[in-house]
Amino acid sequence: MRWSIAIISLLLMMSAIATAQANPPAKPGASQQQQPQTTPQNSSAAPATSPATSANSAATPAAGLRHALQAKTQEEFKAYQDAAGKPDPTQMEAAADDFAKRFPDSDLRGPLYVRTMNFYAQANAVEKMIVVGRKAIAIDPTDPVPLVQVASALAESTRDTDLDRDERLNEAAKDAHAAIANIDTGLLIPANTPAERIAAVKASILTRAYDSLGMVDLNRKNYAAAEQDLLQAVEVSKSSPEAVVYLRLSVAQDHMNKYPQALENANKALQYAPEGSAAQNLAKQQQARLQKLMAASPASTPPPGSNPAGGTPPQPAPSAPAPH
């Protein structure tokens, strides 16, 4: 879905920010201009417009945000570059594990795992992405990027038949709450990043975090809590509305027999859904269902638990954690 692709692009941008701040140590006697650039080769995961900090930058973090990361030795920096330049996520994960063993105190372990996680996300390898994301979180439990990625992947991939369903949903909720709590202090932002770009990244991460909480509550059939979470997601994404958020909100309200509100949000989901997308098809189904329900009882709202139209609200297909 479009929302998933947009989020992934922003999260990959944050990964690029983190790697761009991985400044190599200055060689004795070397001028600032002679120091190498820090972005690894083969950084296809980062869009060309991503902000970057060169090695000769002071790398002063934006106010209230995280300090810049730096390699302690030339050997560490070279090993980081080699690992980050691997052509596929499986090789990159193995290299990241080796790097973490060789340099157990390196600041660059987390960004390397985040980069690997994003490559798995691009390949739609959800469970591998979760595994690597957990490694990044273990190193830095305050970084909103892996927190929101793992939370979303768990919330969207967990099924009622999973033996570890409750554990996965609890972990998703915990990570989503942590992403929200650390949004103002956990991001790695280079100096001179435009304020509007920082705000856009924060809004996108918060949207996905609240949406993940909404998905957890939908899975738990706690529709009142899901409604509140998804209303928060709608609020923080006003500048870039997302169809899937409105669709999930409509489903939560449908289950609560709040049919007028549910129809309004189904209409918005249809308005913002890309042409021919799964979100558009589901929004049309939801819209038709709610119109039928309201036509059947135009003067009153059916009591909770009733279902005059028959059937159940369509469960919106989860947005994939990476584009196909």
Protein backbone atom coordinates (compact mmCIF):
# COMPACT_ATOMS: atom_id res chain seq x y z
CA MET A 1 0.00 0.00 0.00
CA ARG A 2 1.07 3.60 -0.60
CA TRP A 3 1.28 4.34 3.12
CA SER A 4 3.67 1.44 3.69
CA ILE A 5 5.93 2.54 0.85
CA ALA A 6 6.02 6.14 2.06
CA ILE A 7 6.84 5.07 5.61
CA ILE A 8 9.59 2.75 4.44
CA SER A 9 11.16 5.59 2.43
CA LEU A 10 11.23 7.81 5.49
CA LEU A 11 12.60 5.07 7.72
CA LEU A 12 15.30 4.35 5.18
CA MET A 13 16.06 8.04 5.19
CA MET A 14 16.55 7.83 8.94
CA SER A 15 18.91 4.90 8.42
CA ALA A 16 20.84 7.01 5.95
CA ILE A 17 20.98 9.81 8.51
CA ALA A 18 22.39 7.41 11.08
CA THR A 19 25.05 6.05 8.75
CA ALA A 20 25.92 9.52 7.52
CA GLN A 21 26.75 10.45 11.10
CA ALA A 22 29.14 7.53 11.50
CA ASN A 23 32.20 9.78 11.26
CA PRO A 24 35.58 8.06 10.80
CA PRO A 25 38.32 9.02 13.22
CA ALA A 26 40.72 11.66 11.94
CA LYS A 27 44.19 10.40 11.12
CA PRO A 28 46.96 12.20 12.98
CA GLY A 29 48.00 15.23 10.99
CA ALA A 30 45.26 14.84 8.41
CA SER A 31 43.37 17.94 7.44
CA GLN A 32 39.64 18.01 7.79
CA GLN A 33 39.29 18.23 4.03
CA GLN A 34 41.26 14.99 3.56
CA GLN A 35 38.96 12.89 5.73
CA PRO A 36 36.74 10.47 3.77
CA GLN A 37 33.00 10.81 3.42
CA THR A 38 31.06 8.62 5.80
CA THR A 39 28.20 7.26 3.70
CA PRO A 40 29.05 3.65 2.76
CA GLN A 41 29.36 2.56 -0.83
CA ASN A 42 26.34 0.87 -2.41
CA SER A 43 23.92 2.86 -0.25
CA SER A 44 20.99 2.08 -2.51
CA ALA A 45 18.66 2.08 0.50
CA ALA A 46 19.02 5.84 0.90
CA PRO A 47 17.23 8.33 -1.34
CA ALA A 48 19.41 10.90 -3.05
CA THR A 49 17.75 13.70 -1.14
CA SER A 50 18.65 12.29 2.29
CA PRO A 51 20.54 14.80 4.45
CA ALA A 52 24.11 13.81 5.08
CA THR A 53 26.92 14.93 7.36
CA SER A 54 30.41 14.87 5.94
CA ALA A 55 33.38 13.70 7.96
CA ASN A 56 34.70 17.24 8.27
CA SER A 57 31.47 18.43 9.85
CA ALA A 58 31.25 19.21 13.56
CA ALA A 59 28.21 16.88 13.53
CA THR A 60 26.40 18.89 16.15
CA PRO A 61 23.00 17.30 16.73
CA ALA A 62 19.84 19.31 16.40
CA ALA A 63 18.46 20.64 19.67
CA GLY A 64 16.97 17.90 21.82
CA LEU A 65 18.04 15.11 19.48
CA ARG A 66 20.72 12.43 19.64
CA HIS A 67 24.47 12.91 19.48
CA ALA A 68 26.32 11.98 16.32
CA LEU A 69 27.92 8.55 16.11
CA GLN A 70 31.59 8.03 15.41
CA ALA A 71 33.99 5.17 14.76
CA LYS A 72 36.77 4.97 17.33
CA THR A 73 39.41 3.61 14.98
CA GLN A 74 40.09 3.43 11.25
CA GLU A 75 39.79 -0.36 11.48
CA GLU A 76 36.30 -0.06 12.97
CA PHE A 77 35.21 2.41 10.32
CA LYS A 78 36.53 0.24 7.47
CA ALA A 79 34.75 -2.82 8.91
CA TYR A 80 31.54 -0.82 9.17
CA GLN A 81 31.78 0.32 5.55
CA ASP A 82 32.47 -3.22 4.36
CA ALA A 83 29.47 -4.62 6.25
CA ALA A 84 27.12 -1.84 5.17
CA GLY A 85 28.08 -2.37 1.53
CA LYS A 86 27.02 -6.02 1.34
CA PRO A 87 24.69 -6.61 -1.63
CA ASP A 88 21.90 -8.52 0.12
CA PRO A 89 20.39 -8.58 3.62
CA THR A 90 21.51 -12.11 4.49
CA GLN A 91 25.15 -11.23 3.86
CA MET A 92 24.70 -7.90 5.58
CA GLU A 93 23.21 -9.56 8.67
CA ALA A 94 26.13 -11.99 8.90
CA ALA A 95 28.56 -9.08 8.50
CA ALA A 96 26.68 -7.05 11.13
CA ASP A 97 26.86 -9.97 13.58
CA ASP A 98 30.59 -10.28 12.93
CA PHE A 99 31.05 -6.52 13.33
CA ALA A 100 29.18 -6.57 16.66
CA LYS A 101 31.48 -9.34 17.93
CA ARG A 102 34.66 -7.61 16.77
CA PHE A 103 33.61 -4.18 18.06
CA PRO A 104 31.27 -4.84 21.02
CA ASP A 105 31.45 -1.22 22.19
CA SER A 106 30.98 0.40 18.77
CA ASP A 107 28.34 3.09 18.35
CA LEU A 108 27.83 1.82 14.80
CA ARG A 109 26.36 -1.59 15.67
CA GLY A 110 22.81 -0.20 15.95
CA PRO A 111 22.82 1.73 12.66
CA LEU A 112 24.26 -1.31 10.89
CA TYR A 113 21.44 -3.54 12.15
CA VAL A 114 18.89 -0.86 11.23
CA ARG A 115 20.28 -0.78 7.71
CA THR A 116 20.06 -4.58 7.52
CA MET A 117 16.51 -4.49 8.88
CA ASN A 118 15.49 -2.05 6.17
CA PHE A 119 16.96 -4.27 3.46
CA TYR A 120 14.93 -7.20 4.79
CA ALA A 121 11.88 -4.90 4.79
CA GLN A 122 12.45 -4.11 1.13
CA ALA A 123 12.56 -7.85 0.43
CA ASN A 124 9.32 -8.32 2.41
CA ALA A 125 11.11 -10.81 4.69
CA VAL A 126 8.96 -9.92 7.69
CA GLU A 127 10.21 -12.42 10.26
CA LYS A 128 13.87 -11.78 9.39
CA MET A 129 13.22 -8.06 9.65
CA ILE A 130 11.77 -8.59 13.13
CA VAL A 131 14.77 -10.65 14.23
CA VAL A 132 17.28 -8.04 13.06
CA GLY A 133 15.14 -5.18 14.37
CA ARG A 134 15.22 -6.81 17.80
CA LYS A 135 19.02 -6.83 17.64
CA ALA A 136 19.01 -3.09 16.93
CA ILE A 137 16.59 -2.47 19.80
CA ALA A 138 18.74 -4.53 22.19
CA ILE A 139 21.67 -2.23 21.40
CA ASP A 140 19.64 0.99 21.52
CA PRO A 141 16.17 0.64 23.09
CA THR A 142 15.44 4.34 22.50
CA ASP A 143 15.77 4.49 18.69
CA PRO A 144 12.24 5.00 17.29
CA VAL A 145 13.15 3.62 13.86
CA PRO A 146 13.65 -0.07 14.73
CA LEU A 147 11.05 0.22 17.48
CA VAL A 148 8.30 1.29 15.08
CA GLN A 149 9.39 -1.13 12.37
CA VAL A 150 9.27 -4.14 14.70
CA ALA A 151 6.03 -2.96 16.33
CA SER A 152 4.31 -2.59 12.98
CA ALA A 153 5.59 -5.89 11.61
CA LEU A 154 4.47 -7.78 14.71
CA ALA A 155 1.06 -6.10 14.83
CA GLU A 156 0.36 -6.78 11.16
CA SER A 157 1.73 -10.33 10.91
CA THR A 158 0.36 -11.84 14.13
CA ARG A 159 -2.67 -14.10 13.75
CA ASP A 160 -5.13 -15.53 16.26
CA THR A 161 -3.80 -19.02 15.58
CA ASP A 162 -0.21 -18.15 16.51
CA LEU A 163 0.88 -19.98 19.66
CA ASP A 164 2.85 -16.92 20.74
CA ARG A 165 0.09 -14.49 19.77
CA ASP A 166 -0.10 -12.73 23.14
CA GLU A 167 3.66 -12.37 23.43
CA ARG A 168 3.93 -10.87 19.95
CA LEU A 169 1.10 -8.41 20.54
CA ASN A 170 2.56 -7.40 23.91
CA GLU A 171 5.94 -6.81 22.28
CA ALA A 172 4.35 -4.78 19.49
CA ALA A 173 2.54 -2.56 21.97
CA LYS A 174 5.66 -2.11 24.10
CA ASP A 175 7.79 -1.13 21.10
CA ALA A 176 5.15 1.24 19.72
CA HIS A 177 4.86 3.00 23.09
CA ALA A 178 8.66 3.25 23.29
CA ALA A 179 8.84 4.77 19.79
CA ILE A 180 6.33 7.41 20.85
CA ALA A 181 8.08 8.10 24.16
CA ASN A 182 11.49 8.57 22.51
CA ILE A 183 10.45 10.44 19.38
CA ASP A 184 11.96 13.75 20.56
CA THR A 185 15.22 12.36 21.93
CA GLY A 186 15.96 9.05 20.21
CA LEU A 187 16.37 10.03 16.55
CA LEU A 188 19.81 10.48 15.04
CA ILE A 189 19.66 13.79 13.20
CA PRO A 190 22.66 15.50 11.59
CA ALA A 191 23.29 19.19 11.95
CA ASN A 192 21.51 21.57 9.59
CA THR A 193 18.67 19.17 8.78
CA PRO A 194 15.65 21.33 7.86
CA ALA A 195 13.09 21.51 10.62
CA GLU A 196 10.28 20.57 8.25
CA ARG A 197 12.06 17.34 7.30
CA ILE A 198 12.54 16.39 10.95
CA ALA A 199 8.87 17.14 11.60
CA ALA A 200 7.78 15.00 8.64
CA VAL A 201 9.85 12.04 9.80
CA LYS A 202 8.53 12.35 13.34
CA ALA A 203 4.94 12.54 12.12
CA SER A 204 5.38 9.47 9.95
CA ILE A 205 6.91 7.42 12.76
CA LEU A 206 4.20 8.53 15.19
CA THR A 207 1.50 7.67 12.65
CA ARG A 208 2.85 4.17 12.27
CA ALA A 209 3.30 3.76 16.05
CA TYR A 210 -0.31 4.72 16.82
CA ASP A 211 -1.53 2.63 13.89
CA SER A 212 0.39 -0.34 15.30
CA LEU A 213 -1.28 0.16 18.67
CA GLY A 214 -4.60 0.28 16.87
CA MET A 215 -3.81 -2.99 15.11
CA VAL A 216 -2.87 -4.61 18.42
CA ASP A 217 -6.19 -3.55 19.92
CA LEU A 218 -8.12 -4.72 16.85
CA ASN A 219 -6.43 -8.10 17.22
CA ARG A 220 -7.48 -8.14 20.87
CA LYS A 221 -11.01 -7.06 19.92
CA ASN A 222 -10.65 -4.02 22.17
CA TYR A 223 -12.40 -1.74 19.70
CA ALA A 224 -12.76 1.27 21.99
CA ALA A 225 -9.00 1.36 22.59
CA ALA A 226 -8.35 0.77 18.89
CA GLU A 227 -10.57 3.74 18.02
CA GLN A 228 -8.58 6.03 20.32
CA ASP A 229 -5.23 4.83 18.97
CA LEU A 230 -6.33 5.26 15.38
CA LEU A 231 -7.78 8.71 16.06
CA GLN A 232 -4.30 9.64 17.29
CA ALA A 233 -2.83 8.23 14.08
CA VAL A 234 -5.27 10.32 12.04
CA GLU A 235 -4.39 13.43 14.05
CA VAL A 236 -0.62 13.18 13.56
CA SER A 237 -0.95 12.32 9.85
CA LYS A 238 -3.21 15.23 8.88
CA SER A 239 -0.61 16.74 6.58
CA SER A 240 -0.33 13.43 4.70
CA PRO A 241 -3.55 11.44 5.19
CA GLU A 242 -3.32 7.67 4.82
CA ALA A 243 -6.16 5.50 3.58
CA VAL A 244 -5.29 2.45 5.66
CA VAL A 245 -5.49 4.43 8.91
CA TYR A 246 -8.98 5.69 8.09
CA LEU A 247 -10.02 2.19 7.00
CA ARG A 248 -8.90 0.61 10.26
CA LEU A 249 -10.59 3.38 12.21
CA SER A 250 -13.80 2.71 10.29
CA VAL A 251 -13.59 -1.00 11.12
CA ALA A 252 -13.10 -0.27 14.84
CA GLN A 253 -16.12 2.07 14.85
CA ASP A 254 -18.16 -0.43 12.84
CA HIS A 255 -17.59 -3.05 15.52
CA MET A 256 -18.83 -0.49 18.08
CA ASN A 257 -21.95 0.19 15.96
CA LYS A 258 -20.85 3.79 15.43
CA TYR A 259 -22.11 3.61 11.88
CA PRO A 260 -22.19 7.31 10.90
CA GLN A 261 -18.62 7.83 12.08
CA ALA A 262 -17.51 4.56 10.52
CA LEU A 263 -19.06 5.55 7.17
CA GLU A 264 -17.39 8.95 7.28
CA ASN A 265 -14.01 7.33 7.76
CA ALA A 266 -14.68 4.69 5.13
CA ASN A 267 -15.39 7.55 2.72
CA LYS A 268 -12.08 9.18 3.67
CA ALA A 269 -10.27 5.88 3.20
CA LEU A 270 -11.74 5.67 -0.28
CA GLN A 271 -10.79 9.29 -0.96
CA TYR A 272 -7.12 8.76 -0.07
CA ALA A 273 -6.64 5.22 -1.37
CA PRO A 274 -4.55 4.81 -4.52
CA GLU A 275 -6.46 3.71 -7.59
CA GLY A 276 -6.63 -0.08 -7.87
CA SER A 277 -5.07 -0.69 -4.45
CA ALA A 278 -6.18 -3.24 -1.87
CA ALA A 279 -7.08 -0.33 0.41
CA GLN A 280 -9.42 1.06 -2.25
CA ASN A 281 -11.18 -2.28 -2.71
CA LEU A 282 -11.62 -2.79 1.03
CA ALA A 283 -12.80 0.79 1.49
CA LYS A 284 -15.46 0.24 -1.18
CA GLN A 285 -16.62 -2.93 0.61
CA GLN A 286 -16.72 -1.14 3.94
CA GLN A 287 -18.56 1.84 2.46
CA ALA A 288 -21.21 -0.41 0.88
CA ARG A 289 -21.68 -2.40 4.08
CA LEU A 290 -22.16 0.73 6.19
CA GLN A 291 -24.53 2.31 3.70
CA LYS A 292 -26.63 -0.85 3.87
CA LEU A 293 -26.58 -0.83 7.67
CA MET A 294 -27.65 2.80 7.87
CA ALA A 295 -30.38 2.33 5.26
CA ALA A 296 -31.75 -0.56 7.31
CA SER A 297 -32.04 1.59 10.44
CA PRO A 298 -31.97 5.26 9.37
CA ALA A 299 -33.67 6.57 12.48
CA SER A 300 -31.71 4.79 15.14
CA THR A 301 -28.43 3.15 15.86
CA PRO A 302 -28.69 -0.61 16.38
CA PRO A 303 -27.85 -1.75 19.89
CA PRO A 304 -24.35 -3.08 20.54
CA GLY A 305 -23.96 -6.62 19.34
CA SER A 306 -26.70 -6.41 16.72
CA ASN A 307 -25.94 -6.78 13.04
CA PRO A 308 -28.92 -5.94 10.84
CA ALA A 309 -26.91 -6.16 7.63
CA GLY A 310 -25.42 -9.52 8.41
CA GLY A 311 -21.80 -10.51 8.09
CA THR A 312 -18.86 -8.89 9.85
CA PRO A 313 -16.88 -5.75 9.13
CA PRO A 314 -14.08 -6.40 6.66
CA GLN A 315 -10.71 -6.65 8.34
CA PRO A 316 -8.44 -4.24 6.47
CA ALA A 317 -5.51 -6.00 4.92
CA PRO A 318 -2.36 -5.03 6.80
CA SER A 319 0.01 -2.80 4.91
CA ALA A 320 3.11 -4.81 4.14
CA PRO A 321 6.24 -3.70 5.99
CA ALA A 322 7.97 -3.27 2.67
CA PRO A 323 6.86 -2.59 -0.90
CA HIS A 324 6.55 -5.57 -3.20
